[in-house]
Amino acid sequence: MGDVADLIRRQEYPVHVDYNGWALQDFDDTQVPVPFPEGFESDTFLTARPGRLDFCSAGHTHTASLTVEVWDGEPAVPAGEWDETALAGIVCSSGRLRARGMAAGPMPEAIALSDGPGVWTVRVVCTGREAACAQTQHGVVHGVERYIAQFWPNA
């Protein structure tokens, strides 16, 4: 086994954020004991819960840009300056996630991690928070707040 992780998949998704919150949740809702947004904590950038990852956005209502990377091992932190960075774990029984807004509900795209159940570590970095906070006070903005989520299997 080498020291360098290989990128398996990289895909971008628009995420509809409302009330400063959104989540990545197991595509199979029956595997999520407490579905989003129940229990959402608006003061923490990333909160891991069974079957879901909750995100607190700096903007009230907007479309954020989410890049999901799936790796075969722990990757390096993405280059750049980040407003927030966090590590968490998630058990994904379906092998797929779906982004969800607070009021907007589930987004149509499935975010594939693997062909089946797995336990994943995720590193999330975010930029554009200050601009999103300021600009969403004057209207809906798109792609100002940007997230990169790097998933890799737990060893």
N, C-alpha and C. Protein backbone atom coordinates (compact mmCIF):
# COMPACT_ATOMS: atom_id res chain seq x y z
N MET A 1 0.84 -1.19 0.00
CA MET A 1 0.00 0.00 0.00
C MET A 1 0.88 1.24 0.00
N GLY A 2 0.65 2.13 -0.95
CA GLY A 2 1.46 3.34 -1.06
C GLY A 2 1.02 4.41 -0.09
N ASP A 3 1.83 5.45 0.02
CA ASP A 3 1.51 6.55 0.92
C ASP A 3 0.59 7.58 0.28
N VAL A 4 0.46 7.52 -1.04
CA VAL A 4 -0.32 8.53 -1.74
C VAL A 4 -1.71 8.00 -2.04
N ALA A 5 -2.73 8.76 -1.66
CA ALA A 5 -4.12 8.37 -1.92
C ALA A 5 -4.47 8.71 -3.37
N ASP A 6 -5.32 7.88 -3.97
CA ASP A 6 -5.78 8.10 -5.34
C ASP A 6 -7.22 8.60 -5.34
N LEU A 7 -7.46 9.58 -6.19
CA LEU A 7 -8.81 10.12 -6.37
C LEU A 7 -9.62 9.14 -7.21
N ILE A 8 -10.76 8.71 -6.70
CA ILE A 8 -11.62 7.78 -7.42
C ILE A 8 -12.67 8.54 -8.24
N ARG A 9 -13.24 9.58 -7.64
CA ARG A 9 -14.34 10.31 -8.28
C ARG A 9 -14.37 11.73 -7.76
N ARG A 10 -14.70 12.68 -8.64
CA ARG A 10 -14.84 14.09 -8.23
C ARG A 10 -16.04 14.65 -8.97
N GLN A 11 -16.98 15.21 -8.25
CA GLN A 11 -18.18 15.72 -8.88
C GLN A 11 -18.66 16.97 -8.17
N GLU A 12 -19.26 17.89 -8.92
CA GLU A 12 -19.76 19.13 -8.34
C GLU A 12 -21.28 19.10 -8.29
N TYR A 13 -21.82 19.68 -7.21
CA TYR A 13 -23.26 19.72 -7.00
C TYR A 13 -23.65 21.12 -6.51
N PRO A 14 -24.77 21.65 -7.02
CA PRO A 14 -25.31 22.87 -6.41
C PRO A 14 -26.10 22.47 -5.17
N VAL A 15 -25.94 23.21 -4.09
CA VAL A 15 -26.64 22.90 -2.85
C VAL A 15 -27.52 24.10 -2.48
N HIS A 16 -28.80 23.85 -2.33
CA HIS A 16 -29.74 24.91 -1.96
C HIS A 16 -29.74 25.06 -0.45
N VAL A 17 -29.21 26.19 0.00
CA VAL A 17 -29.10 26.48 1.43
C VAL A 17 -30.25 27.39 1.81
N ASP A 18 -30.93 27.07 2.92
CA ASP A 18 -31.92 28.00 3.46
C ASP A 18 -31.83 27.98 4.98
N TYR A 19 -32.17 29.10 5.59
CA TYR A 19 -32.06 29.26 7.05
C TYR A 19 -30.66 28.90 7.55
N ASN A 20 -29.64 29.24 6.75
CA ASN A 20 -28.24 29.04 7.10
C ASN A 20 -27.86 27.58 7.31
N GLY A 21 -28.63 26.64 6.75
CA GLY A 21 -28.30 25.25 6.99
C GLY A 21 -28.55 24.34 5.82
N TRP A 22 -27.81 23.23 5.80
CA TRP A 22 -28.00 22.16 4.82
C TRP A 22 -27.32 20.92 5.37
N ALA A 23 -27.56 19.79 4.72
CA ALA A 23 -26.98 18.54 5.21
C ALA A 23 -26.68 17.60 4.06
N LEU A 24 -25.78 16.67 4.32
CA LEU A 24 -25.61 15.49 3.47
C LEU A 24 -26.17 14.33 4.28
N GLN A 25 -27.13 13.62 3.71
CA GLN A 25 -27.81 12.56 4.44
C GLN A 25 -27.81 11.29 3.60
N ASP A 26 -27.78 10.13 4.28
CA ASP A 26 -27.86 8.85 3.59
C ASP A 26 -29.05 8.87 2.64
N PHE A 27 -28.83 8.41 1.41
CA PHE A 27 -29.88 8.41 0.39
C PHE A 27 -31.07 7.56 0.85
N ASP A 28 -30.80 6.54 1.65
CA ASP A 28 -31.84 5.68 2.21
C ASP A 28 -32.30 6.29 3.54
N ASP A 29 -33.38 7.07 3.47
CA ASP A 29 -33.87 7.79 4.65
C ASP A 29 -34.23 6.85 5.81
N THR A 30 -34.55 5.59 5.51
CA THR A 30 -34.93 4.66 6.58
C THR A 30 -33.74 4.33 7.48
N GLN A 31 -32.51 4.63 7.02
CA GLN A 31 -31.30 4.36 7.81
C GLN A 31 -30.87 5.57 8.65
N VAL A 32 -31.68 6.63 8.63
CA VAL A 32 -31.34 7.85 9.37
C VAL A 32 -32.33 7.99 10.53
N PRO A 33 -31.87 7.73 11.78
CA PRO A 33 -32.79 7.75 12.92
C PRO A 33 -33.46 9.11 13.13
N VAL A 34 -32.72 10.19 12.93
CA VAL A 34 -33.28 11.53 13.09
C VAL A 34 -33.01 12.31 11.81
N PRO A 35 -34.01 12.40 10.92
CA PRO A 35 -33.78 13.06 9.62
C PRO A 35 -33.57 14.57 9.77
N PHE A 36 -32.77 15.11 8.86
CA PHE A 36 -32.53 16.55 8.80
C PHE A 36 -33.84 17.24 8.44
N PRO A 37 -34.14 18.40 9.02
CA PRO A 37 -33.32 19.26 9.88
C PRO A 37 -33.53 19.08 11.38
N GLU A 38 -34.19 18.01 11.80
CA GLU A 38 -34.43 17.81 13.22
C GLU A 38 -33.11 17.80 13.99
N GLY A 39 -33.04 18.57 15.06
CA GLY A 39 -31.84 18.61 15.90
C GLY A 39 -30.70 19.43 15.33
N PHE A 40 -30.96 20.19 14.26
CA PHE A 40 -29.90 21.00 13.64
C PHE A 40 -29.36 22.04 14.61
N GLU A 41 -28.02 22.14 14.69
CA GLU A 41 -27.37 23.13 15.55
C GLU A 41 -26.76 24.21 14.67
N SER A 42 -27.28 25.43 14.81
CA SER A 42 -26.90 26.49 13.89
C SER A 42 -25.59 27.18 14.25
N ASP A 43 -24.91 26.71 15.29
CA ASP A 43 -23.68 27.41 15.70
C ASP A 43 -22.41 26.62 15.41
N THR A 44 -22.53 25.47 14.75
CA THR A 44 -21.37 24.63 14.49
C THR A 44 -21.23 24.40 12.98
N PHE A 45 -20.03 24.63 12.44
CA PHE A 45 -19.80 24.48 11.00
C PHE A 45 -20.21 23.10 10.51
N LEU A 46 -19.75 22.04 11.19
CA LEU A 46 -20.06 20.67 10.78
C LEU A 46 -20.40 19.84 12.01
N THR A 47 -21.57 19.21 11.97
CA THR A 47 -22.00 18.32 13.05
C THR A 47 -22.32 16.96 12.44
N ALA A 48 -21.67 15.91 12.93
CA ALA A 48 -21.94 14.55 12.44
C ALA A 48 -23.02 13.93 13.32
N ARG A 49 -24.03 13.35 12.67
CA ARG A 49 -25.11 12.64 13.36
C ARG A 49 -25.27 11.30 12.65
N PRO A 50 -25.95 10.33 13.25
CA PRO A 50 -26.11 9.04 12.57
C PRO A 50 -26.77 9.20 11.19
N GLY A 51 -26.03 8.82 10.15
CA GLY A 51 -26.55 8.86 8.79
C GLY A 51 -26.58 10.21 8.13
N ARG A 52 -26.03 11.23 8.80
CA ARG A 52 -26.08 12.57 8.19
C ARG A 52 -24.96 13.46 8.70
N LEU A 53 -24.64 14.48 7.88
CA LEU A 53 -23.67 15.51 8.23
C LEU A 53 -24.37 16.85 8.07
N ASP A 54 -24.44 17.62 9.14
CA ASP A 54 -25.12 18.92 9.12
C ASP A 54 -24.10 20.03 8.96
N PHE A 55 -24.43 21.02 8.13
CA PHE A 55 -23.55 22.16 7.88
C PHE A 55 -24.25 23.46 8.21
N CYS A 56 -23.54 24.33 8.90
CA CYS A 56 -24.03 25.67 9.17
C CYS A 56 -23.37 26.60 8.15
N SER A 57 -24.21 27.22 7.32
CA SER A 57 -23.72 28.12 6.28
C SER A 57 -23.68 29.55 6.80
N ALA A 58 -22.81 30.36 6.20
CA ALA A 58 -22.74 31.77 6.58
C ALA A 58 -23.84 32.58 5.91
N GLY A 59 -24.44 32.04 4.85
CA GLY A 59 -25.50 32.75 4.14
C GLY A 59 -26.86 32.20 4.47
N HIS A 60 -27.87 33.07 4.49
CA HIS A 60 -29.22 32.65 4.87
C HIS A 60 -29.87 31.79 3.78
N THR A 61 -30.07 32.35 2.60
CA THR A 61 -30.71 31.63 1.50
C THR A 61 -29.87 31.84 0.24
N HIS A 62 -29.30 30.75 -0.28
CA HIS A 62 -28.45 30.86 -1.47
C HIS A 62 -28.16 29.47 -2.01
N THR A 63 -27.46 29.44 -3.13
CA THR A 63 -27.00 28.17 -3.68
C THR A 63 -25.49 28.11 -3.51
N ALA A 64 -25.04 27.16 -2.71
CA ALA A 64 -23.61 26.98 -2.49
C ALA A 64 -23.07 25.98 -3.52
N SER A 65 -21.78 25.99 -3.69
CA SER A 65 -21.11 25.05 -4.59
C SER A 65 -20.46 23.96 -3.74
N LEU A 66 -20.80 22.70 -4.02
CA LEU A 66 -20.23 21.57 -3.30
C LEU A 66 -19.46 20.69 -4.27
N THR A 67 -18.19 20.47 -3.99
CA THR A 67 -17.39 19.52 -4.74
C THR A 67 -17.16 18.31 -3.84
N VAL A 68 -17.59 17.14 -4.30
CA VAL A 68 -17.41 15.91 -3.54
C VAL A 68 -16.30 15.10 -4.19
N GLU A 69 -15.30 14.75 -3.40
CA GLU A 69 -14.20 13.90 -3.85
C GLU A 69 -14.24 12.59 -3.06
N VAL A 70 -14.12 11.48 -3.76
CA VAL A 70 -14.04 10.17 -3.12
C VAL A 70 -12.63 9.64 -3.37
N TRP A 71 -11.93 9.28 -2.30
CA TRP A 71 -10.54 8.83 -2.35
C TRP A 71 -10.43 7.41 -1.81
N ASP A 72 -9.34 6.73 -2.16
CA ASP A 72 -9.12 5.38 -1.64
C ASP A 72 -8.35 5.39 -0.32
N GLY A 73 -7.91 6.55 0.10
CA GLY A 73 -7.18 6.74 1.36
C GLY A 73 -7.22 8.21 1.72
N GLU A 74 -6.61 8.57 2.85
CA GLU A 74 -6.67 9.97 3.27
C GLU A 74 -5.87 10.87 2.32
N PRO A 75 -6.55 11.85 1.69
CA PRO A 75 -5.86 12.77 0.79
C PRO A 75 -5.25 13.95 1.53
N ALA A 76 -4.44 14.71 0.83
CA ALA A 76 -3.91 15.95 1.39
C ALA A 76 -5.05 16.97 1.47
N VAL A 77 -4.91 17.93 2.37
CA VAL A 77 -5.89 19.01 2.46
C VAL A 77 -5.83 19.79 1.14
N PRO A 78 -6.99 20.15 0.58
CA PRO A 78 -6.98 20.91 -0.68
C PRO A 78 -6.18 22.20 -0.52
N ALA A 79 -5.45 22.54 -1.58
CA ALA A 79 -4.65 23.77 -1.56
C ALA A 79 -5.57 24.98 -1.49
N GLY A 80 -5.12 26.03 -0.82
CA GLY A 80 -5.90 27.25 -0.74
C GLY A 80 -6.08 27.69 0.70
N GLU A 81 -6.71 28.83 0.85
CA GLU A 81 -7.01 29.36 2.18
C GLU A 81 -8.48 29.10 2.45
N TRP A 82 -8.77 28.54 3.63
CA TRP A 82 -10.12 28.11 3.94
C TRP A 82 -10.65 28.84 5.17
N ASP A 83 -11.92 29.26 5.09
CA ASP A 83 -12.57 29.92 6.22
C ASP A 83 -12.85 28.91 7.33
N GLU A 84 -13.20 27.69 6.94
CA GLU A 84 -13.52 26.63 7.89
C GLU A 84 -12.94 25.33 7.38
N THR A 85 -12.57 24.47 8.30
CA THR A 85 -12.17 23.12 7.96
C THR A 85 -12.58 22.20 9.10
N ALA A 86 -13.08 21.02 8.79
CA ALA A 86 -13.54 20.11 9.82
C ALA A 86 -13.42 18.67 9.34
N LEU A 87 -13.25 17.77 10.31
CA LEU A 87 -13.21 16.32 10.05
C LEU A 87 -14.39 15.67 10.76
N ALA A 88 -14.97 14.66 10.13
CA ALA A 88 -16.06 13.92 10.77
C ALA A 88 -16.09 12.51 10.19
N GLY A 89 -16.98 11.70 10.72
CA GLY A 89 -17.19 10.36 10.20
C GLY A 89 -18.66 10.15 9.92
N ILE A 90 -18.96 9.26 8.97
CA ILE A 90 -20.35 8.94 8.67
C ILE A 90 -20.45 7.47 8.25
N VAL A 91 -21.48 6.81 8.75
CA VAL A 91 -21.82 5.47 8.29
C VAL A 91 -22.88 5.66 7.22
N CYS A 92 -22.60 5.17 6.01
CA CYS A 92 -23.53 5.34 4.90
C CYS A 92 -23.97 3.95 4.43
N SER A 93 -25.20 3.58 4.77
CA SER A 93 -25.67 2.21 4.50
C SER A 93 -25.98 1.98 3.03
N SER A 94 -26.34 3.05 2.30
CA SER A 94 -26.73 2.89 0.89
C SER A 94 -25.55 3.08 -0.06
N GLY A 95 -24.44 3.65 0.45
CA GLY A 95 -23.31 3.99 -0.41
C GLY A 95 -23.51 5.29 -1.14
N ARG A 96 -24.67 5.95 -0.90
CA ARG A 96 -24.97 7.22 -1.57
C ARG A 96 -25.50 8.22 -0.55
N LEU A 97 -25.21 9.48 -0.81
CA LEU A 97 -25.71 10.57 0.02
C LEU A 97 -26.60 11.47 -0.84
N ARG A 98 -27.37 12.32 -0.14
CA ARG A 98 -28.17 13.32 -0.85
C ARG A 98 -28.11 14.60 -0.03
N ALA A 99 -27.89 15.72 -0.72
CA ALA A 99 -27.90 17.02 -0.05
C ALA A 99 -29.35 17.40 0.24
N ARG A 100 -29.55 18.08 1.38
CA ARG A 100 -30.89 18.50 1.79
C ARG A 100 -30.83 19.92 2.33
N GLY A 101 -31.82 20.72 1.99
CA GLY A 101 -31.96 22.05 2.57
C GLY A 101 -32.87 21.98 3.79
N MET A 102 -32.88 23.05 4.58
CA MET A 102 -33.73 23.10 5.78
C MET A 102 -35.20 23.01 5.36
N ALA A 103 -35.65 23.91 4.48
CA ALA A 103 -37.04 23.93 4.02
C ALA A 103 -37.16 23.33 2.62
N ALA A 104 -36.11 23.46 1.83
CA ALA A 104 -36.15 23.00 0.43
C ALA A 104 -36.24 21.48 0.32
N GLY A 105 -35.79 20.78 1.37
CA GLY A 105 -35.85 19.32 1.35
C GLY A 105 -34.75 18.71 0.52
N PRO A 106 -34.94 17.44 0.10
CA PRO A 106 -33.87 16.73 -0.61
C PRO A 106 -33.65 17.23 -2.02
N MET A 107 -32.39 17.25 -2.45
CA MET A 107 -32.05 17.60 -3.82
C MET A 107 -32.06 16.31 -4.64
N PRO A 108 -32.30 16.44 -5.94
CA PRO A 108 -32.51 15.23 -6.75
C PRO A 108 -31.27 14.37 -6.95
N GLU A 109 -30.08 14.95 -6.97
CA GLU A 109 -28.88 14.19 -7.31
C GLU A 109 -28.44 13.26 -6.19
N ALA A 110 -28.10 12.04 -6.57
CA ALA A 110 -27.47 11.10 -5.64
C ALA A 110 -25.97 11.35 -5.70
N ILE A 111 -25.34 11.39 -4.53
CA ILE A 111 -23.90 11.58 -4.43
C ILE A 111 -23.31 10.21 -4.09
N ALA A 112 -22.68 9.58 -5.08
CA ALA A 112 -22.20 8.21 -4.91
C ALA A 112 -20.86 8.19 -4.18
N LEU A 113 -20.79 7.38 -3.11
CA LEU A 113 -19.54 7.15 -2.42
C LEU A 113 -18.98 5.78 -2.80
N SER A 114 -19.86 4.76 -2.84
CA SER A 114 -19.43 3.40 -3.13
C SER A 114 -20.63 2.59 -3.62
N ASP A 115 -20.39 1.32 -3.93
CA ASP A 115 -21.46 0.44 -4.41
C ASP A 115 -22.31 -0.13 -3.28
N GLY A 116 -21.89 0.08 -2.05
CA GLY A 116 -22.63 -0.50 -0.94
C GLY A 116 -22.34 0.22 0.35
N PRO A 117 -22.72 -0.40 1.48
CA PRO A 117 -22.52 0.26 2.76
C PRO A 117 -21.05 0.51 3.07
N GLY A 118 -20.80 1.54 3.83
CA GLY A 118 -19.42 1.85 4.21
C GLY A 118 -19.36 2.82 5.36
N VAL A 119 -18.19 2.86 5.98
CA VAL A 119 -17.90 3.82 7.03
C VAL A 119 -16.83 4.75 6.48
N TRP A 120 -17.12 6.05 6.51
CA TRP A 120 -16.28 7.03 5.83
C TRP A 120 -15.79 8.10 6.79
N THR A 121 -14.59 8.58 6.52
CA THR A 121 -14.11 9.81 7.13
C THR A 121 -14.28 10.89 6.07
N VAL A 122 -14.65 12.08 6.51
CA VAL A 122 -14.80 13.19 5.57
C VAL A 122 -14.08 14.42 6.13
N ARG A 123 -13.39 15.10 5.23
CA ARG A 123 -12.80 16.40 5.56
C ARG A 123 -13.54 17.42 4.71
N VAL A 124 -14.05 18.44 5.34
CA VAL A 124 -14.76 19.48 4.62
C VAL A 124 -14.05 20.80 4.82
N VAL A 125 -13.79 21.50 3.72
CA VAL A 125 -13.23 22.85 3.78
C VAL A 125 -14.23 23.77 3.09
N CYS A 126 -14.21 25.04 3.51
CA CYS A 126 -15.17 25.99 2.97
C CYS A 126 -14.52 27.36 2.83
N THR A 127 -14.90 28.07 1.77
CA THR A 127 -14.45 29.43 1.56
C THR A 127 -15.62 30.26 1.06
N GLY A 128 -15.47 31.59 1.12
CA GLY A 128 -16.53 32.49 0.64
C GLY A 128 -17.60 32.79 1.67
N ARG A 129 -17.35 32.46 2.92
CA ARG A 129 -18.38 32.61 3.96
C ARG A 129 -18.72 34.08 4.23
N GLU A 130 -17.72 34.92 4.33
CA GLU A 130 -17.97 36.34 4.61
C GLU A 130 -18.77 36.99 3.49
N ALA A 131 -18.38 36.69 2.25
CA ALA A 131 -19.10 37.24 1.08
C ALA A 131 -20.53 36.72 1.02
N ALA A 132 -20.71 35.42 1.32
CA ALA A 132 -22.06 34.84 1.30
C ALA A 132 -22.93 35.49 2.36
N CYS A 133 -22.38 35.72 3.53
CA CYS A 133 -23.11 36.35 4.62
C CYS A 133 -23.58 37.74 4.20
N ALA A 134 -22.67 38.53 3.62
CA ALA A 134 -23.01 39.90 3.21
C ALA A 134 -23.98 39.92 2.04
N GLN A 135 -23.71 39.10 1.02
CA GLN A 135 -24.50 39.17 -0.21
C GLN A 135 -25.90 38.59 -0.07
N THR A 136 -26.08 37.59 0.81
CA THR A 136 -27.40 36.98 0.94
C THR A 136 -28.37 37.91 1.69
N GLN A 137 -27.85 38.97 2.29
CA GLN A 137 -28.74 39.95 2.93
C GLN A 137 -29.43 40.81 1.89
N HIS A 138 -28.95 40.77 0.64
CA HIS A 138 -29.50 41.61 -0.42
C HIS A 138 -30.13 40.80 -1.55
N GLY A 139 -30.13 39.48 -1.44
CA GLY A 139 -30.71 38.66 -2.49
C GLY A 139 -30.09 37.28 -2.51
N VAL A 140 -30.60 36.45 -3.40
CA VAL A 140 -30.10 35.08 -3.52
C VAL A 140 -28.86 35.08 -4.41
N VAL A 141 -27.78 34.46 -3.92
CA VAL A 141 -26.54 34.39 -4.69
C VAL A 141 -26.23 32.93 -4.99
N HIS A 142 -25.38 32.72 -5.99
CA HIS A 142 -25.04 31.37 -6.43
C HIS A 142 -23.53 31.17 -6.44
N GLY A 143 -23.07 30.12 -5.78
CA GLY A 143 -21.67 29.71 -5.87
C GLY A 143 -20.68 30.58 -5.14
N VAL A 144 -21.15 31.49 -4.27
CA VAL A 144 -20.23 32.35 -3.53
C VAL A 144 -19.56 31.56 -2.41
N GLU A 145 -20.38 30.79 -1.68
CA GLU A 145 -19.85 29.92 -0.63
C GLU A 145 -19.53 28.58 -1.29
N ARG A 146 -18.26 28.14 -1.14
CA ARG A 146 -17.82 26.91 -1.81
C ARG A 146 -17.30 25.91 -0.80
N TYR A 147 -17.78 24.68 -0.94
CA TYR A 147 -17.38 23.57 -0.07
C TYR A 147 -16.66 22.51 -0.90
N ILE A 148 -15.63 21.91 -0.30
CA ILE A 148 -15.04 20.69 -0.85
C ILE A 148 -15.14 19.64 0.25
N ALA A 149 -15.76 18.52 -0.08
CA ALA A 149 -15.89 17.40 0.86
C ALA A 149 -15.09 16.24 0.33
N GLN A 150 -14.07 15.83 1.07
CA GLN A 150 -13.21 14.70 0.69
C GLN A 150 -13.57 13.49 1.54
N PHE A 151 -14.07 12.44 0.90
CA PHE A 151 -14.44 11.21 1.60
C PHE A 151 -13.40 10.13 1.34
N TRP A 152 -13.07 9.37 2.39
CA TRP A 152 -12.23 8.19 2.21
C TRP A 152 -12.68 7.14 3.22
N PRO A 153 -12.51 5.84 2.87
CA PRO A 153 -12.98 4.78 3.76
C PRO A 153 -12.18 4.75 5.06
N ASN A 154 -12.89 4.45 6.14
CA ASN A 154 -12.21 4.26 7.43
C ASN A 154 -11.31 3.06 7.34
N ALA A 155 -10.13 3.18 7.89
CA ALA A 155 -9.16 2.07 7.86
C ALA A 155 -9.65 0.91 8.71
